[in-house]
Amino acid sequence: MKHTVLAVLILSGVLAQAQPSSEMMARIRGGGGLDGKCTIEVEVDDTAEIQIAGDIGRVRSLTGGISAFRRFECTSPMPSDMADFRFRGVDGRGQQVLLRDPRINQGWAVVRIEDRRGGRERYTFDLEWRGAASSDRSGYVPPLSPAPTRVLSESTVGLCQDAVSRRLERDGYYGMYFEGVSYDNNPGRHDWIVGSVDARRGGYNDRFSFSCSVDFNDGRVRTVDMRRR
């Protein structure tokens, strides 16, 4: 019996470390240029990370069932050197967060999707860029560093969300639900995380937009700004 339990534990550990992943090449539909856009649709069960660079996409299942691409279309391969970059969650019932900006992550955009409501769900998001130095990155697969030069991870995003939650709890709110948490990509604000949050108080729902100033060297939240919408 002990040997059986040990074997199960070892097997569970191996499976947990495996983290199934798959790749997909983008379908290029456009004439290139300095501005562009990729639209990605994936099917997620629980939690997954989607990694995009050039015309290569990878989906990595973190928890739950195996996640997979359903659509990956771009006007041109995504460049690594661009003046402006934006992430926009389009569709899906859970949370989509931009974890890593390709401009500071060796050309890789990394998006984390969390779906905690049970069953599989399709998610769609857009990656848009302007002022690219070059869009000729077809088939280019840069190395994906496990540790970005600046700290932007689920833990950093979580610190921002915790700071927002504490602020709301002091004002008597509860039941916080976060949406659209990502970089603030406006010029001069690349050390800010922004998003929106729903919270309840006195039987009513309120929505707030928030922004956290973050030290990306150590993940420390400097300030939190909030505004009721």
C-alpha atoms as a PDB file:
ATOM      1  CA  MET A   1       0.000   0.000   0.000  1.00  0.00           C
ATOM      2  CA  LYS A   2       2.811   2.402   0.911  1.00  0.00           C
ATOM      3  CA  HIS A   3       4.536   1.686  -2.407  1.00  0.00           C
ATOM      4  CA  THR A   4       1.295   2.369  -4.272  1.00  0.00           C
ATOM      5  CA  VAL A   5       0.772   5.710  -2.525  1.00  0.00           C
ATOM      6  CA  LEU A   6       4.394   6.673  -3.186  1.00  0.00           C
ATOM      7  CA  ALA A   7       4.040   5.796  -6.868  1.00  0.00           C
ATOM      8  CA  VAL A   8       0.881   7.908  -7.137  1.00  0.00           C
ATOM      9  CA  LEU A   9       2.597  10.869  -5.478  1.00  0.00           C
ATOM     10  CA  ILE A  10       5.616  10.596  -7.774  1.00  0.00           C
ATOM     11  CA  LEU A  11       3.396  10.307 -10.845  1.00  0.00           C
ATOM     12  CA  SER A  12       1.334  13.295  -9.709  1.00  0.00           C
ATOM     13  CA  GLY A  13       4.502  15.340  -9.330  1.00  0.00           C
ATOM     14  CA  VAL A  14       5.675  14.404 -12.818  1.00  0.00           C
ATOM     15  CA  LEU A  15       2.335  15.310 -14.336  1.00  0.00           C
ATOM     16  CA  ALA A  16       2.249  18.623 -12.485  1.00  0.00           C
ATOM     17  CA  GLN A  17       5.671  19.531 -13.828  1.00  0.00           C
ATOM     18  CA  ALA A  18       4.853  18.501 -17.392  1.00  0.00           C
ATOM     19  CA  GLN A  19       2.412  21.400 -18.003  1.00  0.00           C
ATOM     20  CA  PRO A  20       1.111  20.349 -21.464  1.00  0.00           C
ATOM     21  CA  SER A  21       1.750  22.896 -24.219  1.00  0.00           C
ATOM     22  CA  SER A  22       1.175  23.215 -27.963  1.00  0.00           C
ATOM     23  CA  GLU A  23       2.258  25.561 -30.748  1.00  0.00           C
ATOM     24  CA  MET A  24       0.489  27.202 -33.686  1.00  0.00           C
ATOM     25  CA  MET A  25       1.654  29.335 -36.610  1.00  0.00           C
ATOM     26  CA  ALA A  26      -0.295  32.529 -37.268  1.00  0.00           C
ATOM     27  CA  ARG A  27      -2.387  32.909 -40.385  1.00  0.00           C
ATOM     28  CA  ILE A  28      -1.100  36.156 -41.914  1.00  0.00           C
ATOM     29  CA  ARG A  29      -3.876  38.241 -43.435  1.00  0.00           C
ATOM     30  CA  GLY A  30      -2.596  41.681 -44.363  1.00  0.00           C
ATOM     31  CA  GLY A  31       0.085  43.627 -46.128  1.00  0.00           C
ATOM     32  CA  GLY A  32       2.488  44.234 -43.243  1.00  0.00           C
ATOM     33  CA  GLY A  33       3.486  47.805 -42.421  1.00  0.00           C
ATOM     34  CA  LEU A  34       4.509  49.584 -39.241  1.00  0.00           C
ATOM     35  CA  ASP A  35       1.165  49.001 -37.479  1.00  0.00           C
ATOM     36  CA  GLY A  36      -0.502  45.654 -36.931  1.00  0.00           C
ATOM     37  CA  LYS A  37      -2.751  43.383 -34.946  1.00  0.00           C
ATOM     38  CA  CYS A  38      -3.064  39.726 -33.927  1.00  0.00           C
ATOM     39  CA  THR A  39      -6.342  38.140 -32.842  1.00  0.00           C
ATOM     40  CA  ILE A  40      -6.006  34.986 -30.752  1.00  0.00           C
ATOM     41  CA  GLU A  41      -8.811  32.639 -29.713  1.00  0.00           C
ATOM     42  CA  VAL A  42      -8.109  29.827 -27.264  1.00  0.00           C
ATOM     43  CA  GLU A  43     -10.177  27.277 -25.370  1.00  0.00           C
ATOM     44  CA  VAL A  44      -9.240  27.177 -21.682  1.00  0.00           C
ATOM     45  CA  ASP A  45     -10.146  24.877 -18.811  1.00  0.00           C
ATOM     46  CA  ASP A  46      -9.097  26.572 -15.534  1.00  0.00           C
ATOM     47  CA  THR A  47      -5.692  28.284 -16.087  1.00  0.00           C
ATOM     48  CA  ALA A  48      -3.381  28.714 -19.079  1.00  0.00           C
ATOM     49  CA  GLU A  49      -0.623  30.978 -20.388  1.00  0.00           C
ATOM     50  CA  ILE A  50      -0.475  32.041 -24.033  1.00  0.00           C
ATOM     51  CA  GLN A  51       2.913  33.133 -25.429  1.00  0.00           C
ATOM     52  CA  ILE A  52       3.156  35.029 -28.741  1.00  0.00           C
ATOM     53  CA  ALA A  53       6.286  36.097 -30.664  1.00  0.00           C
ATOM     54  CA  GLY A  54       6.559  36.849 -34.385  1.00  0.00           C
ATOM     55  CA  ASP A  55       4.110  34.445 -36.025  1.00  0.00           C
ATOM     56  CA  ILE A  56       4.586  31.711 -33.407  1.00  0.00           C
ATOM     57  CA  GLY A  57       2.056  31.020 -30.643  1.00  0.00           C
ATOM     58  CA  ARG A  58       2.340  28.687 -27.667  1.00  0.00           C
ATOM     59  CA  VAL A  59      -0.401  27.770 -25.210  1.00  0.00           C
ATOM     60  CA  ARG A  60       0.654  26.210 -21.899  1.00  0.00           C
ATOM     61  CA  SER A  61      -1.903  24.531 -19.635  1.00  0.00           C
ATOM     62  CA  LEU A  62      -1.126  25.352 -15.997  1.00  0.00           C
ATOM     63  CA  THR A  63      -4.100  23.750 -14.202  1.00  0.00           C
ATOM     64  CA  GLY A  64      -7.230  21.916 -15.282  1.00  0.00           C
ATOM     65  CA  GLY A  65      -7.681  20.279 -18.673  1.00  0.00           C
ATOM     66  CA  ILE A  66      -5.557  20.843 -21.774  1.00  0.00           C
ATOM     67  CA  SER A  67      -6.021  24.289 -23.329  1.00  0.00           C
ATOM     68  CA  ALA A  68      -5.724  24.780 -27.090  1.00  0.00           C
ATOM     69  CA  PHE A  69      -5.670  27.361 -29.886  1.00  0.00           C
ATOM     70  CA  ARG A  70      -8.829  27.874 -31.941  1.00  0.00           C
ATOM     71  CA  ARG A  71      -7.728  30.880 -34.004  1.00  0.00           C
ATOM     72  CA  PHE A  72      -4.481  32.814 -34.494  1.00  0.00           C
ATOM     73  CA  GLU A  73      -4.630  35.518 -37.168  1.00  0.00           C
ATOM     74  CA  CYS A  74      -2.283  38.487 -37.682  1.00  0.00           C
ATOM     75  CA  THR A  75      -1.914  41.298 -40.182  1.00  0.00           C
ATOM     76  CA  SER A  76       1.848  40.596 -40.034  1.00  0.00           C
ATOM     77  CA  PRO A  77       4.257  38.805 -37.680  1.00  0.00           C
ATOM     78  CA  MET A  78       4.405  40.664 -34.372  1.00  0.00           C
ATOM     79  CA  PRO A  79       7.641  42.696 -34.055  1.00  0.00           C
ATOM     80  CA  SER A  80       9.710  43.009 -30.889  1.00  0.00           C
ATOM     81  CA  ASP A  81      10.687  46.651 -31.471  1.00  0.00           C
ATOM     82  CA  MET A  82       7.639  48.916 -31.569  1.00  0.00           C
ATOM     83  CA  ALA A  83       6.660  52.364 -30.335  1.00  0.00           C
ATOM     84  CA  ASP A  84       3.361  51.300 -28.782  1.00  0.00           C
ATOM     85  CA  PHE A  85       1.823  47.975 -27.749  1.00  0.00           C
ATOM     86  CA  ARG A  86      -1.663  47.224 -26.436  1.00  0.00           C
ATOM     87  CA  PHE A  87      -3.424  44.137 -25.113  1.00  0.00           C
ATOM     88  CA  ARG A  88      -7.232  43.959 -25.195  1.00  0.00           C
ATOM     89  CA  GLY A  89      -9.390  41.152 -23.845  1.00  0.00           C
ATOM     90  CA  VAL A  90     -12.342  40.705 -26.223  1.00  0.00           C
ATOM     91  CA  ASP A  91     -14.408  37.770 -25.022  1.00  0.00           C
ATOM     92  CA  GLY A  92     -14.537  35.210 -22.183  1.00  0.00           C
ATOM     93  CA  ARG A  93     -16.177  34.901 -18.786  1.00  0.00           C
ATOM     94  CA  GLY A  94     -13.012  34.794 -16.665  1.00  0.00           C
ATOM     95  CA  GLN A  95      -9.927  36.968 -16.281  1.00  0.00           C
ATOM     96  CA  GLN A  96      -7.338  37.776 -18.953  1.00  0.00           C
ATOM     97  CA  VAL A  97      -4.106  39.500 -17.855  1.00  0.00           C
ATOM     98  CA  LEU A  98      -1.069  40.636 -19.833  1.00  0.00           C
ATOM     99  CA  LEU A  99       1.843  39.289 -17.793  1.00  0.00           C
ATOM    100  CA  ARG A 100       4.742  40.318 -20.015  1.00  0.00           C
ATOM    101  CA  ASP A 101       5.095  43.083 -22.592  1.00  0.00           C
ATOM    102  CA  PRO A 102       7.081  41.946 -25.690  1.00  0.00           C
ATOM    103  CA  ARG A 103       9.090  45.192 -25.665  1.00  0.00           C
ATOM    104  CA  ILE A 104      10.811  44.162 -22.435  1.00  0.00           C
ATOM    105  CA  ASN A 105      10.564  40.371 -22.733  1.00  0.00           C
ATOM    106  CA  GLN A 106      12.751  39.497 -25.728  1.00  0.00           C
ATOM    107  CA  GLY A 107       9.837  39.801 -28.159  1.00  0.00           C
ATOM    108  CA  TRP A 108       7.387  37.551 -26.286  1.00  0.00           C
ATOM    109  CA  ALA A 109       3.922  38.692 -25.200  1.00  0.00           C
ATOM    110  CA  VAL A 110       2.603  36.482 -22.392  1.00  0.00           C
ATOM    111  CA  VAL A 111      -1.102  36.425 -21.484  1.00  0.00           C
ATOM    112  CA  ARG A 112      -2.533  34.515 -18.524  1.00  0.00           C
ATOM    113  CA  ILE A 113      -6.165  33.342 -18.572  1.00  0.00           C
ATOM    114  CA  GLU A 114      -7.981  32.140 -15.463  1.00  0.00           C
ATOM    115  CA  ASP A 115     -11.372  30.447 -15.755  1.00  0.00           C
ATOM    116  CA  ARG A 116     -12.596  29.249 -12.342  1.00  0.00           C
ATOM    117  CA  ARG A 117     -16.259  28.596 -13.150  1.00  0.00           C
ATOM    118  CA  GLY A 118     -15.935  24.975 -14.254  1.00  0.00           C
ATOM    119  CA  GLY A 119     -15.929  23.521 -17.753  1.00  0.00           C
ATOM    120  CA  ARG A 120     -14.220  24.805 -20.872  1.00  0.00           C
ATOM    121  CA  GLU A 121     -14.596  28.344 -22.193  1.00  0.00           C
ATOM    122  CA  ARG A 122     -13.410  30.129 -25.331  1.00  0.00           C
ATOM    123  CA  TYR A 123     -11.459  33.361 -24.904  1.00  0.00           C
ATOM    124  CA  THR A 124     -10.493  35.945 -27.507  1.00  0.00           C
ATOM    125  CA  PHE A 125      -7.927  38.717 -27.153  1.00  0.00           C
ATOM    126  CA  ASP A 126      -6.144  41.191 -29.438  1.00  0.00           C
ATOM    127  CA  LEU A 127      -2.500  42.259 -29.511  1.00  0.00           C
ATOM    128  CA  GLU A 128      -1.999  45.575 -31.318  1.00  0.00           C
ATOM    129  CA  TRP A 129       1.141  47.554 -32.112  1.00  0.00           C
ATOM    130  CA  ARG A 130       2.173  50.821 -33.739  1.00  0.00           C
ATOM    131  CA  GLY A 131       5.455  52.193 -35.015  1.00  0.00           C
ATOM    132  CA  ALA A 132       7.226  48.872 -35.575  1.00  0.00           C
ATOM    133  CA  ALA A 133      10.892  49.079 -36.557  1.00  0.00           C
ATOM    134  CA  SER A 134      10.470  45.882 -38.579  1.00  0.00           C
ATOM    135  CA  SER A 135       7.653  43.394 -39.193  1.00  0.00           C
ATOM    136  CA  ASP A 136       9.786  40.721 -40.917  1.00  0.00           C
ATOM    137  CA  ARG A 137       9.716  38.079 -38.163  1.00  0.00           C
ATOM    138  CA  SER A 138       8.095  35.154 -39.950  1.00  0.00           C
ATOM    139  CA  GLY A 139       9.168  31.899 -38.332  1.00  0.00           C
ATOM    140  CA  TYR A 140      11.312  33.712 -35.764  1.00  0.00           C
ATOM    141  CA  VAL A 141      11.339  32.035 -32.355  1.00  0.00           C
ATOM    142  CA  PRO A 142      13.346  34.090 -29.818  1.00  0.00           C
ATOM    143  CA  PRO A 143      14.438  32.496 -26.547  1.00  0.00           C
ATOM    144  CA  LEU A 144      11.786  32.827 -23.835  1.00  0.00           C
ATOM    145  CA  SER A 145      13.483  33.907 -20.643  1.00  0.00           C
ATOM    146  CA  PRO A 146      11.960  32.303 -17.519  1.00  0.00           C
ATOM    147  CA  ALA A 147      12.709  35.501 -15.604  1.00  0.00           C
ATOM    148  CA  PRO A 148      11.963  38.849 -17.325  1.00  0.00           C
ATOM    149  CA  THR A 149      14.301  41.781 -16.759  1.00  0.00           C
ATOM    150  CA  ARG A 150      11.452  43.578 -14.984  1.00  0.00           C
ATOM    151  CA  VAL A 151       9.096  41.871 -12.587  1.00  0.00           C
ATOM    152  CA  LEU A 152       5.619  41.509 -14.081  1.00  0.00           C
ATOM    153  CA  SER A 153       4.018  38.257 -13.070  1.00  0.00           C
ATOM    154  CA  GLU A 154       0.874  36.911 -11.510  1.00  0.00           C
ATOM    155  CA  SER A 155       2.440  37.668  -8.111  1.00  0.00           C
ATOM    156  CA  THR A 156       2.967  41.350  -9.008  1.00  0.00           C
ATOM    157  CA  VAL A 157      -0.571  41.621 -10.362  1.00  0.00           C
ATOM    158  CA  GLY A 158      -1.782  39.909  -7.192  1.00  0.00           C
ATOM    159  CA  LEU A 159      -0.006  42.498  -5.025  1.00  0.00           C
ATOM    160  CA  CYS A 160      -1.817  45.277  -6.891  1.00  0.00           C
ATOM    161  CA  GLN A 161      -5.162  43.487  -6.506  1.00  0.00           C
ATOM    162  CA  ASP A 162      -4.497  42.930  -2.788  1.00  0.00           C
ATOM    163  CA  ALA A 163      -3.776  46.637  -2.306  1.00  0.00           C
ATOM    164  CA  VAL A 164      -6.999  47.556  -4.120  1.00  0.00           C
ATOM    165  CA  SER A 165      -8.990  45.006  -2.084  1.00  0.00           C
ATOM    166  CA  ARG A 166      -7.647  46.391   1.212  1.00  0.00           C
ATOM    167  CA  ARG A 167      -8.616  49.915   0.176  1.00  0.00           C
ATOM    168  CA  LEU A 168     -12.159  48.787  -0.652  1.00  0.00           C
ATOM    169  CA  GLU A 169     -12.491  46.700   2.513  1.00  0.00           C
ATOM    170  CA  ARG A 170     -11.613  49.766   4.612  1.00  0.00           C
ATOM    171  CA  ASP A 171     -14.592  51.471   2.964  1.00  0.00           C
ATOM    172  CA  GLY A 172     -16.942  48.582   3.765  1.00  0.00           C
ATOM    173  CA  TYR A 173     -16.873  46.764   0.417  1.00  0.00           C
ATOM    174  CA  TYR A 174     -16.675  42.993  -0.126  1.00  0.00           C
ATOM    175  CA  GLY A 175     -16.960  40.400  -2.914  1.00  0.00           C
ATOM    176  CA  MET A 176     -14.364  42.001  -5.218  1.00  0.00           C
ATOM    177  CA  TYR A 177     -14.227  40.807  -8.840  1.00  0.00           C
ATOM    178  CA  PHE A 178     -11.344  42.038 -11.057  1.00  0.00           C
ATOM    179  CA  GLU A 179     -11.412  42.473 -14.844  1.00  0.00           C
ATOM    180  CA  GLY A 180      -9.057  43.716 -17.553  1.00  0.00           C
ATOM    181  CA  VAL A 181      -5.911  43.894 -15.397  1.00  0.00           C
ATOM    182  CA  SER A 182      -2.854  44.753 -17.561  1.00  0.00           C
ATOM    183  CA  TYR A 183      -0.048  47.221 -18.200  1.00  0.00           C
ATOM    184  CA  ASP A 184      -0.900  50.884 -18.667  1.00  0.00           C
ATOM    185  CA  ASN A 185       0.636  51.295 -22.127  1.00  0.00           C
ATOM    186  CA  ASN A 186       0.247  55.071 -22.328  1.00  0.00           C
ATOM    187  CA  PRO A 187       3.555  56.916 -22.857  1.00  0.00           C
ATOM    188  CA  GLY A 188       5.490  57.408 -19.626  1.00  0.00           C
ATOM    189  CA  ARG A 189       3.320  55.015 -17.588  1.00  0.00           C
ATOM    190  CA  HIS A 190       4.978  51.626 -18.178  1.00  0.00           C
ATOM    191  CA  ASP A 191       5.427  51.147 -14.418  1.00  0.00           C
ATOM    192  CA  TRP A 192       1.651  51.095 -13.802  1.00  0.00           C
ATOM    193  CA  ILE A 193      -0.836  48.221 -13.666  1.00  0.00           C
ATOM    194  CA  VAL A 194      -4.423  49.185 -14.474  1.00  0.00           C
ATOM    195  CA  GLY A 195      -7.813  47.505 -14.458  1.00  0.00           C
ATOM    196  CA  SER A 196     -11.341  47.580 -13.080  1.00  0.00           C
ATOM    197  CA  VAL A 197     -13.026  45.936 -10.117  1.00  0.00           C
ATOM    198  CA  ASP A 198     -16.632  45.292  -9.068  1.00  0.00           C
ATOM    199  CA  ALA A 199     -17.463  45.302  -5.345  1.00  0.00           C
ATOM    200  CA  ARG A 200     -20.572  45.159  -3.150  1.00  0.00           C
ATOM    201  CA  ARG A 201     -21.642  47.385  -0.265  1.00  0.00           C
ATOM    202  CA  GLY A 202     -25.055  47.675   1.348  1.00  0.00           C
ATOM    203  CA  GLY A 203     -26.677  45.387  -1.202  1.00  0.00           C
ATOM    204  CA  TYR A 204     -25.451  47.424  -4.200  1.00  0.00           C
ATOM    205  CA  ASN A 205     -22.698  46.837  -6.764  1.00  0.00           C
ATOM    206  CA  ASP A 206     -20.162  49.539  -7.544  1.00  0.00           C
ATOM    207  CA  ARG A 207     -17.457  49.517 -10.224  1.00  0.00           C
ATOM    208  CA  PHE A 208     -14.078  51.212  -9.879  1.00  0.00           C
ATOM    209  CA  SER A 209     -11.163  51.766 -12.209  1.00  0.00           C
ATOM    210  CA  PHE A 210      -7.776  51.521 -10.528  1.00  0.00           C
ATOM    211  CA  SER A 211      -4.070  51.928 -11.217  1.00  0.00           C
ATOM    212  CA  CYS A 212      -1.088  50.740  -9.192  1.00  0.00           C
ATOM    213  CA  SER A 213       2.366  52.262  -9.480  1.00  0.00           C
ATOM    214  CA  VAL A 214       4.744  49.291  -9.215  1.00  0.00           C
ATOM    215  CA  ASP A 215       8.490  48.988  -8.733  1.00  0.00           C
ATOM    216  CA  PHE A 216       9.189  46.279 -11.339  1.00  0.00           C
ATOM    217  CA  ASN A 217      12.609  45.574  -9.856  1.00  0.00           C
ATOM    218  CA  ASP A 218      11.171  44.130  -6.640  1.00  0.00           C
ATOM    219  CA  GLY A 219       7.402  43.950  -7.317  1.00  0.00           C
ATOM    220  CA  ARG A 220       6.592  46.528  -4.596  1.00  0.00           C
ATOM    221  CA  VAL A 221       3.370  48.539  -4.991  1.00  0.00           C
ATOM    222  CA  ARG A 222       4.197  52.233  -4.489  1.00  0.00           C
ATOM    223  CA  THR A 223       0.773  53.867  -4.774  1.00  0.00           C
ATOM    224  CA  VAL A 224      -2.820  52.945  -5.608  1.00  0.00           C
ATOM    225  CA  ASP A 225      -5.251  55.302  -7.361  1.00  0.00           C
ATOM    226  CA  MET A 226      -8.984  54.487  -7.584  1.00  0.00           C
ATOM    227  CA  ARG A 227     -12.006  56.131  -9.199  1.00  0.00           C
ATOM    228  CA  ARG A 228     -15.679  55.103  -9.077  1.00  0.00           C
ATOM    229  CA  ARG A 229     -17.161  54.652 -12.560  1.00  0.00           C
END
